[in-house]
Amino acid sequence: PGCATYLQEKADLQAGGGQSQRLIAAKERQENAKAEQLSLQEEQIMANEELSALQDELQTVNRSETVRQSQIEKARSNTNISQQKLEALSKQLKRQTEAFNDEALALEATRSVSSDAQVAAKEAELKALKKELNETNRQIDILIQ
């Protein structure tokens, strides 16, 4: 085996001039691997940033629900406000917040294993849920003022 390697290297040097073809190919593979590694690192950074932003959004939504539920409880003492309407809004807010949390988790799972189109679809669903939450919050504002 050692002689074959020597003979192959000698033939490469004679055919290619100053550097062996195997060395040139190895350097190309190394450069490609470095470029791919850099690309993967950039993707990892972007994924971490997206995850961080989503976690921040989840915290905001959950804090908002806690504040809104507290406001609804305070509004229950106001006899001018329909108790049934308050209860319905409370349940709606809780259901929408849970759906938002579930969809956010599903989005993260989708990001790790699915295509860009599937991720975009999950992001659109999350955006629609956020819009519903905003509408419910607007209704609560109107009712408790």
N, C-alpha and C. Protein backbone atom coordinates (compact mmCIF):
# COMPACT_ATOMS: atom_id res chain seq x y z
N PRO A 1 0.81 -1.20 0.00
CA PRO A 1 0.00 0.00 0.00
C PRO A 1 0.85 1.26 0.00
N GLY A 2 1.95 1.27 0.78
CA GLY A 2 2.81 2.44 0.84
C GLY A 2 3.42 2.78 -0.51
N CYS A 3 3.84 1.77 -1.23
CA CYS A 3 4.44 2.00 -2.55
C CYS A 3 3.40 2.56 -3.52
N ALA A 4 2.18 2.06 -3.43
CA ALA A 4 1.13 2.53 -4.33
C ALA A 4 0.85 4.01 -4.09
N THR A 5 0.83 4.43 -2.82
CA THR A 5 0.59 5.83 -2.49
C THR A 5 1.72 6.69 -3.04
N TYR A 6 2.94 6.22 -2.87
CA TYR A 6 4.10 6.96 -3.37
C TYR A 6 4.04 7.09 -4.89
N LEU A 7 3.72 6.00 -5.55
CA LEU A 7 3.65 6.03 -7.01
C LEU A 7 2.51 6.93 -7.49
N GLN A 8 1.39 6.91 -6.78
CA GLN A 8 0.26 7.77 -7.17
C GLN A 8 0.63 9.23 -6.97
N GLU A 9 1.29 9.55 -5.85
CA GLU A 9 1.71 10.93 -5.59
C GLU A 9 2.72 11.38 -6.65
N LYS A 10 3.64 10.51 -7.02
CA LYS A 10 4.64 10.83 -8.04
C LYS A 10 3.95 11.11 -9.38
N ALA A 11 2.97 10.28 -9.72
CA ALA A 11 2.24 10.47 -10.98
C ALA A 11 1.45 11.78 -10.94
N ASP A 12 0.84 12.10 -9.79
CA ASP A 12 0.10 13.36 -9.65
C ASP A 12 1.02 14.55 -9.84
N LEU A 13 2.19 14.49 -9.24
CA LEU A 13 3.13 15.61 -9.36
C LEU A 13 3.60 15.79 -10.79
N GLN A 14 3.83 14.69 -11.45
CA GLN A 14 4.29 14.78 -12.84
C GLN A 14 3.18 15.32 -13.74
N ALA A 15 1.95 14.94 -13.47
CA ALA A 15 0.83 15.35 -14.32
C ALA A 15 0.40 16.78 -14.04
N GLY A 16 0.50 17.20 -12.79
CA GLY A 16 -0.08 18.50 -12.43
C GLY A 16 0.93 19.58 -12.16
N GLY A 17 2.15 19.35 -12.32
CA GLY A 17 3.13 20.40 -12.08
C GLY A 17 3.58 20.38 -10.62
N GLY A 18 3.48 21.52 -9.94
CA GLY A 18 4.05 21.68 -8.61
C GLY A 18 3.26 21.02 -7.47
N GLN A 19 1.96 20.93 -7.59
CA GLN A 19 1.18 20.33 -6.50
C GLN A 19 0.45 19.10 -7.00
N SER A 20 0.28 18.17 -6.09
CA SER A 20 -0.43 16.96 -6.48
C SER A 20 -1.92 17.24 -6.63
N GLN A 21 -2.54 16.51 -7.52
CA GLN A 21 -3.98 16.67 -7.75
C GLN A 21 -4.77 16.29 -6.48
N ARG A 22 -4.26 15.31 -5.76
CA ARG A 22 -4.95 14.91 -4.52
C ARG A 22 -4.89 16.02 -3.49
N LEU A 23 -3.76 16.72 -3.40
CA LEU A 23 -3.63 17.83 -2.46
C LEU A 23 -4.57 18.97 -2.84
N ILE A 24 -4.63 19.28 -4.11
CA ILE A 24 -5.52 20.33 -4.60
C ILE A 24 -6.98 19.97 -4.29
N ALA A 25 -7.35 18.73 -4.56
CA ALA A 25 -8.72 18.28 -4.28
C ALA A 25 -9.01 18.33 -2.78
N ALA A 26 -8.03 17.94 -1.97
CA ALA A 26 -8.21 17.97 -0.51
C ALA A 26 -8.40 19.40 -0.02
N LYS A 27 -7.64 20.33 -0.57
CA LYS A 27 -7.78 21.74 -0.19
C LYS A 27 -9.15 22.28 -0.60
N GLU A 28 -9.62 21.89 -1.77
CA GLU A 28 -10.96 22.32 -2.22
C GLU A 28 -12.04 21.78 -1.29
N ARG A 29 -11.90 20.50 -0.91
CA ARG A 29 -12.88 19.92 0.01
C ARG A 29 -12.84 20.63 1.37
N GLN A 30 -11.64 20.97 1.80
CA GLN A 30 -11.50 21.68 3.07
C GLN A 30 -12.18 23.06 3.00
N GLU A 31 -11.95 23.79 1.91
CA GLU A 31 -12.57 25.11 1.73
C GLU A 31 -14.10 24.99 1.68
N ASN A 32 -14.58 23.99 0.97
CA ASN A 32 -16.03 23.76 0.90
C ASN A 32 -16.59 23.45 2.28
N ALA A 33 -15.87 22.64 3.04
CA ALA A 33 -16.33 22.29 4.39
C ALA A 33 -16.35 23.52 5.29
N LYS A 34 -15.33 24.38 5.16
CA LYS A 34 -15.29 25.61 5.95
C LYS A 34 -16.46 26.52 5.59
N ALA A 35 -16.74 26.64 4.31
CA ALA A 35 -17.86 27.48 3.86
C ALA A 35 -19.18 26.93 4.38
N GLU A 36 -19.34 25.61 4.31
CA GLU A 36 -20.56 24.99 4.80
C GLU A 36 -20.70 25.18 6.31
N GLN A 37 -19.59 25.04 7.03
CA GLN A 37 -19.62 25.23 8.47
C GLN A 37 -20.02 26.67 8.81
N LEU A 38 -19.48 27.63 8.09
CA LEU A 38 -19.83 29.02 8.32
C LEU A 38 -21.32 29.25 8.05
N SER A 39 -21.80 28.66 6.97
CA SER A 39 -23.22 28.79 6.64
C SER A 39 -24.09 28.19 7.75
N LEU A 40 -23.70 27.04 8.25
CA LEU A 40 -24.45 26.40 9.33
C LEU A 40 -24.41 27.24 10.60
N GLN A 41 -23.28 27.85 10.88
CA GLN A 41 -23.18 28.72 12.05
C GLN A 41 -24.11 29.93 11.91
N GLU A 42 -24.16 30.49 10.71
CA GLU A 42 -25.05 31.63 10.47
C GLU A 42 -26.51 31.21 10.62
N GLU A 43 -26.85 30.03 10.11
CA GLU A 43 -28.22 29.52 10.27
C GLU A 43 -28.55 29.30 11.74
N GLN A 44 -27.59 28.81 12.50
CA GLN A 44 -27.80 28.57 13.93
C GLN A 44 -28.04 29.89 14.66
N ILE A 45 -27.27 30.90 14.30
CA ILE A 45 -27.46 32.22 14.92
C ILE A 45 -28.84 32.76 14.61
N MET A 46 -29.26 32.65 13.34
CA MET A 46 -30.59 33.12 12.96
C MET A 46 -31.68 32.34 13.69
N ALA A 47 -31.52 31.03 13.80
CA ALA A 47 -32.50 30.21 14.50
C ALA A 47 -32.58 30.60 15.96
N ASN A 48 -31.44 30.86 16.58
CA ASN A 48 -31.43 31.28 17.98
C ASN A 48 -32.12 32.63 18.16
N GLU A 49 -31.90 33.55 17.22
CA GLU A 49 -32.55 34.85 17.29
C GLU A 49 -34.06 34.71 17.13
N GLU A 50 -34.49 33.86 16.19
CA GLU A 50 -35.93 33.64 15.98
C GLU A 50 -36.55 33.01 17.22
N LEU A 51 -35.86 32.05 17.82
CA LEU A 51 -36.35 31.39 19.03
C LEU A 51 -36.46 32.40 20.17
N SER A 52 -35.46 33.23 20.32
CA SER A 52 -35.48 34.24 21.37
C SER A 52 -36.65 35.21 21.18
N ALA A 53 -36.87 35.63 19.95
CA ALA A 53 -37.98 36.55 19.66
C ALA A 53 -39.32 35.87 19.95
N LEU A 54 -39.44 34.61 19.59
CA LEU A 54 -40.68 33.88 19.85
C LEU A 54 -40.91 33.71 21.35
N GLN A 55 -39.85 33.41 22.09
CA GLN A 55 -39.97 33.26 23.54
C GLN A 55 -40.38 34.59 24.18
N ASP A 56 -39.82 35.69 23.68
CA ASP A 56 -40.22 37.01 24.18
C ASP A 56 -41.70 37.27 23.91
N GLU A 57 -42.14 36.90 22.70
CA GLU A 57 -43.55 37.08 22.34
C GLU A 57 -44.45 36.23 23.23
N LEU A 58 -44.04 35.01 23.51
CA LEU A 58 -44.81 34.13 24.39
C LEU A 58 -44.93 34.73 25.79
N GLN A 59 -43.82 35.25 26.31
CA GLN A 59 -43.86 35.87 27.63
C GLN A 59 -44.80 37.07 27.64
N THR A 60 -44.74 37.87 26.59
CA THR A 60 -45.61 39.04 26.49
C THR A 60 -47.08 38.63 26.46
N VAL A 61 -47.40 37.64 25.65
CA VAL A 61 -48.79 37.17 25.54
C VAL A 61 -49.27 36.61 26.88
N ASN A 62 -48.43 35.83 27.54
CA ASN A 62 -48.84 35.24 28.81
C ASN A 62 -48.96 36.29 29.92
N ARG A 63 -48.05 37.27 29.94
CA ARG A 63 -48.18 38.36 30.91
C ARG A 63 -49.45 39.16 30.65
N SER A 64 -49.72 39.41 29.38
CA SER A 64 -50.92 40.15 29.01
C SER A 64 -52.17 39.43 29.47
N GLU A 65 -52.19 38.11 29.28
CA GLU A 65 -53.36 37.35 29.72
C GLU A 65 -53.54 37.46 31.22
N THR A 66 -52.47 37.39 31.98
CA THR A 66 -52.55 37.50 33.44
C THR A 66 -53.11 38.86 33.84
N VAL A 67 -52.62 39.92 33.20
CA VAL A 67 -53.10 41.27 33.50
C VAL A 67 -54.58 41.39 33.13
N ARG A 68 -54.93 40.89 31.96
CA ARG A 68 -56.32 40.99 31.50
C ARG A 68 -57.27 40.20 32.40
N GLN A 69 -56.86 39.02 32.82
CA GLN A 69 -57.71 38.23 33.72
C GLN A 69 -57.91 38.98 35.04
N SER A 70 -56.87 39.64 35.51
CA SER A 70 -56.98 40.44 36.73
C SER A 70 -57.95 41.61 36.53
N GLN A 71 -57.86 42.24 35.37
CA GLN A 71 -58.78 43.35 35.07
C GLN A 71 -60.22 42.85 35.00
N ILE A 72 -60.41 41.68 34.44
CA ILE A 72 -61.76 41.11 34.35
C ILE A 72 -62.29 40.83 35.74
N GLU A 73 -61.45 40.28 36.61
CA GLU A 73 -61.88 40.01 37.98
C GLU A 73 -62.29 41.29 38.70
N LYS A 74 -61.53 42.36 38.52
CA LYS A 74 -61.88 43.65 39.14
C LYS A 74 -63.19 44.18 38.56
N ALA A 75 -63.41 43.98 37.27
CA ALA A 75 -64.62 44.48 36.62
C ALA A 75 -65.86 43.72 37.07
N ARG A 76 -65.70 42.51 37.60
CA ARG A 76 -66.85 41.72 38.04
C ARG A 76 -67.63 42.44 39.15
N SER A 77 -66.94 43.29 39.90
CA SER A 77 -67.62 44.01 40.99
C SER A 77 -68.50 45.14 40.45
N ASN A 78 -68.32 45.52 39.22
CA ASN A 78 -69.11 46.57 38.61
C ASN A 78 -70.43 45.96 38.13
N THR A 79 -71.51 46.37 38.72
CA THR A 79 -72.81 45.79 38.39
C THR A 79 -73.33 46.23 37.03
N ASN A 80 -72.74 47.26 36.45
CA ASN A 80 -73.18 47.74 35.13
C ASN A 80 -72.64 46.87 33.99
N ILE A 81 -71.69 46.01 34.29
CA ILE A 81 -71.08 45.18 33.27
C ILE A 81 -71.69 43.78 33.32
N SER A 82 -72.03 43.28 32.16
CA SER A 82 -72.61 41.95 32.07
C SER A 82 -71.61 40.89 32.56
N GLN A 83 -72.01 40.16 33.59
CA GLN A 83 -71.14 39.11 34.14
C GLN A 83 -70.95 37.99 33.11
N GLN A 84 -71.99 37.73 32.34
CA GLN A 84 -71.86 36.69 31.30
C GLN A 84 -70.85 37.10 30.24
N LYS A 85 -70.88 38.37 29.88
CA LYS A 85 -69.94 38.86 28.88
C LYS A 85 -68.51 38.79 29.42
N LEU A 86 -68.33 39.16 30.69
CA LEU A 86 -67.00 39.06 31.29
C LEU A 86 -66.51 37.62 31.32
N GLU A 87 -67.38 36.72 31.69
CA GLU A 87 -67.01 35.30 31.75
C GLU A 87 -66.65 34.79 30.35
N ALA A 88 -67.44 35.17 29.37
CA ALA A 88 -67.18 34.73 28.00
C ALA A 88 -65.82 35.27 27.51
N LEU A 89 -65.55 36.54 27.80
CA LEU A 89 -64.26 37.13 27.39
C LEU A 89 -63.10 36.46 28.12
N SER A 90 -63.30 36.17 29.39
CA SER A 90 -62.25 35.50 30.16
C SER A 90 -61.92 34.14 29.56
N LYS A 91 -62.95 33.37 29.26
CA LYS A 91 -62.73 32.05 28.65
C LYS A 91 -62.11 32.16 27.26
N GLN A 92 -62.58 33.14 26.49
CA GLN A 92 -62.04 33.35 25.14
C GLN A 92 -60.56 33.71 25.22
N LEU A 93 -60.21 34.61 26.12
CA LEU A 93 -58.82 35.03 26.28
C LEU A 93 -57.95 33.84 26.68
N LYS A 94 -58.42 33.06 27.61
CA LYS A 94 -57.65 31.88 28.05
C LYS A 94 -57.46 30.89 26.90
N ARG A 95 -58.54 30.62 26.17
CA ARG A 95 -58.48 29.69 25.04
C ARG A 95 -57.52 30.19 23.95
N GLN A 96 -57.61 31.47 23.64
CA GLN A 96 -56.74 32.03 22.60
C GLN A 96 -55.28 32.05 23.03
N THR A 97 -55.03 32.33 24.31
CA THR A 97 -53.66 32.33 24.81
C THR A 97 -53.08 30.92 24.75
N GLU A 98 -53.86 29.93 25.14
CA GLU A 98 -53.40 28.54 25.06
C GLU A 98 -53.13 28.14 23.61
N ALA A 99 -54.01 28.55 22.71
CA ALA A 99 -53.83 28.23 21.29
C ALA A 99 -52.56 28.91 20.76
N PHE A 100 -52.32 30.14 21.19
CA PHE A 100 -51.11 30.85 20.76
C PHE A 100 -49.87 30.12 21.26
N ASN A 101 -49.89 29.71 22.53
CA ASN A 101 -48.75 28.97 23.09
C ASN A 101 -48.52 27.66 22.34
N ASP A 102 -49.59 26.94 22.08
CA ASP A 102 -49.47 25.66 21.35
C ASP A 102 -48.90 25.88 19.95
N GLU A 103 -49.40 26.91 19.28
CA GLU A 103 -48.96 27.19 17.91
C GLU A 103 -47.51 27.64 17.89
N ALA A 104 -47.10 28.39 18.91
CA ALA A 104 -45.70 28.82 18.98
C ALA A 104 -44.77 27.61 19.13
N LEU A 105 -45.16 26.66 19.95
CA LEU A 105 -44.37 25.44 20.10
C LEU A 105 -44.35 24.64 18.79
N ALA A 106 -45.49 24.58 18.14
CA ALA A 106 -45.57 23.87 16.86
C ALA A 106 -44.68 24.55 15.81
N LEU A 107 -44.64 25.87 15.85
CA LEU A 107 -43.78 26.60 14.92
C LEU A 107 -42.32 26.22 15.13
N GLU A 108 -41.88 26.16 16.36
CA GLU A 108 -40.49 25.79 16.63
C GLU A 108 -40.19 24.37 16.17
N ALA A 109 -41.13 23.47 16.38
CA ALA A 109 -40.93 22.09 15.91
C ALA A 109 -40.89 22.05 14.39
N THR A 110 -41.74 22.83 13.75
CA THR A 110 -41.79 22.88 12.29
C THR A 110 -40.50 23.44 11.72
N ARG A 111 -39.96 24.47 12.37
CA ARG A 111 -38.72 25.09 11.89
C ARG A 111 -37.58 24.08 11.82
N SER A 112 -37.56 23.16 12.75
CA SER A 112 -36.42 22.24 12.81
C SER A 112 -36.51 21.09 11.81
N VAL A 113 -37.71 20.82 11.28
CA VAL A 113 -37.82 19.64 10.42
C VAL A 113 -38.56 19.86 9.10
N SER A 114 -39.08 21.05 8.87
CA SER A 114 -39.95 21.23 7.71
C SER A 114 -39.41 22.24 6.71
N SER A 115 -40.12 22.36 5.63
CA SER A 115 -39.74 23.28 4.56
C SER A 115 -40.10 24.72 4.92
N ASP A 116 -39.56 25.65 4.15
CA ASP A 116 -39.85 27.06 4.35
C ASP A 116 -41.33 27.36 4.20
N ALA A 117 -41.99 26.66 3.27
CA ALA A 117 -43.43 26.88 3.05
C ALA A 117 -44.23 26.47 4.29
N GLN A 118 -43.87 25.37 4.90
CA GLN A 118 -44.57 24.92 6.10
C GLN A 118 -44.32 25.87 7.27
N VAL A 119 -43.09 26.37 7.37
CA VAL A 119 -42.77 27.34 8.42
C VAL A 119 -43.58 28.62 8.20
N ALA A 120 -43.65 29.07 6.96
CA ALA A 120 -44.41 30.28 6.65
C ALA A 120 -45.89 30.09 6.99
N ALA A 121 -46.42 28.91 6.74
CA ALA A 121 -47.82 28.63 7.07
C ALA A 121 -48.04 28.70 8.58
N LYS A 122 -47.11 28.12 9.35
CA LYS A 122 -47.22 28.17 10.81
C LYS A 122 -47.09 29.61 11.31
N GLU A 123 -46.19 30.38 10.71
CA GLU A 123 -46.04 31.77 11.10
C GLU A 123 -47.32 32.55 10.81
N ALA A 124 -47.97 32.25 9.70
CA ALA A 124 -49.23 32.92 9.36
C ALA A 124 -50.32 32.55 10.37
N GLU A 125 -50.36 31.29 10.78
CA GLU A 125 -51.33 30.87 11.79
C GLU A 125 -51.08 31.59 13.11
N LEU A 126 -49.82 31.72 13.49
CA LEU A 126 -49.47 32.42 14.72
C LEU A 126 -49.86 33.89 14.64
N LYS A 127 -49.64 34.49 13.49
CA LYS A 127 -50.01 35.89 13.29
C LYS A 127 -51.53 36.07 13.40
N ALA A 128 -52.28 35.12 12.83
CA ALA A 128 -53.74 35.19 12.91
C ALA A 128 -54.21 35.06 14.37
N LEU A 129 -53.58 34.17 15.11
CA LEU A 129 -53.94 34.02 16.52
C LEU A 129 -53.62 35.29 17.31
N LYS A 130 -52.50 35.91 16.99
CA LYS A 130 -52.13 37.16 17.66
C LYS A 130 -53.17 38.24 17.35
N LYS A 131 -53.65 38.27 16.12
CA LYS A 131 -54.69 39.24 15.74
C LYS A 131 -55.97 39.00 16.54
N GLU A 132 -56.35 37.72 16.70
CA GLU A 132 -57.52 37.39 17.50
C GLU A 132 -57.34 37.82 18.95
N LEU A 133 -56.15 37.59 19.50
CA LEU A 133 -55.86 38.02 20.87
C LEU A 133 -55.97 39.54 21.00
N ASN A 134 -55.45 40.25 20.02
CA ASN A 134 -55.55 41.71 20.05
C ASN A 134 -57.00 42.18 20.02
N GLU A 135 -57.82 41.51 19.23
CA GLU A 135 -59.24 41.86 19.17
C GLU A 135 -59.93 41.59 20.51
N THR A 136 -59.62 40.46 21.11
CA THR A 136 -60.20 40.16 22.43
C THR A 136 -59.76 41.19 23.45
N ASN A 137 -58.49 41.57 23.42
CA ASN A 137 -58.00 42.60 24.33
C ASN A 137 -58.70 43.93 24.10
N ARG A 138 -58.98 44.23 22.85
CA ARG A 138 -59.72 45.47 22.54
C ARG A 138 -61.13 45.41 23.13
N GLN A 139 -61.78 44.27 23.01
CA GLN A 139 -63.12 44.10 23.58
C GLN A 139 -63.09 44.24 25.10
N ILE A 140 -62.06 43.70 25.71
CA ILE A 140 -61.93 43.83 27.17
C ILE A 140 -61.74 45.29 27.55
N ASP A 141 -60.92 46.01 26.80
CA ASP A 141 -60.71 47.44 27.07
C ASP A 141 -62.03 48.20 27.02
N ILE A 142 -62.80 47.93 25.99
CA ILE A 142 -64.09 48.60 25.83
C ILE A 142 -65.01 48.29 27.00
N LEU A 143 -65.04 47.05 27.40
CA LEU A 143 -65.96 46.61 28.45
C LEU A 143 -65.59 47.14 29.82
N ILE A 144 -64.32 47.18 30.14
CA ILE A 144 -63.93 47.55 31.51
C ILE A 144 -63.74 49.04 31.69
N GLN A 145 -63.81 49.82 30.64
CA GLN A 145 -63.62 51.27 30.80
C GLN A 145 -64.87 51.94 31.26
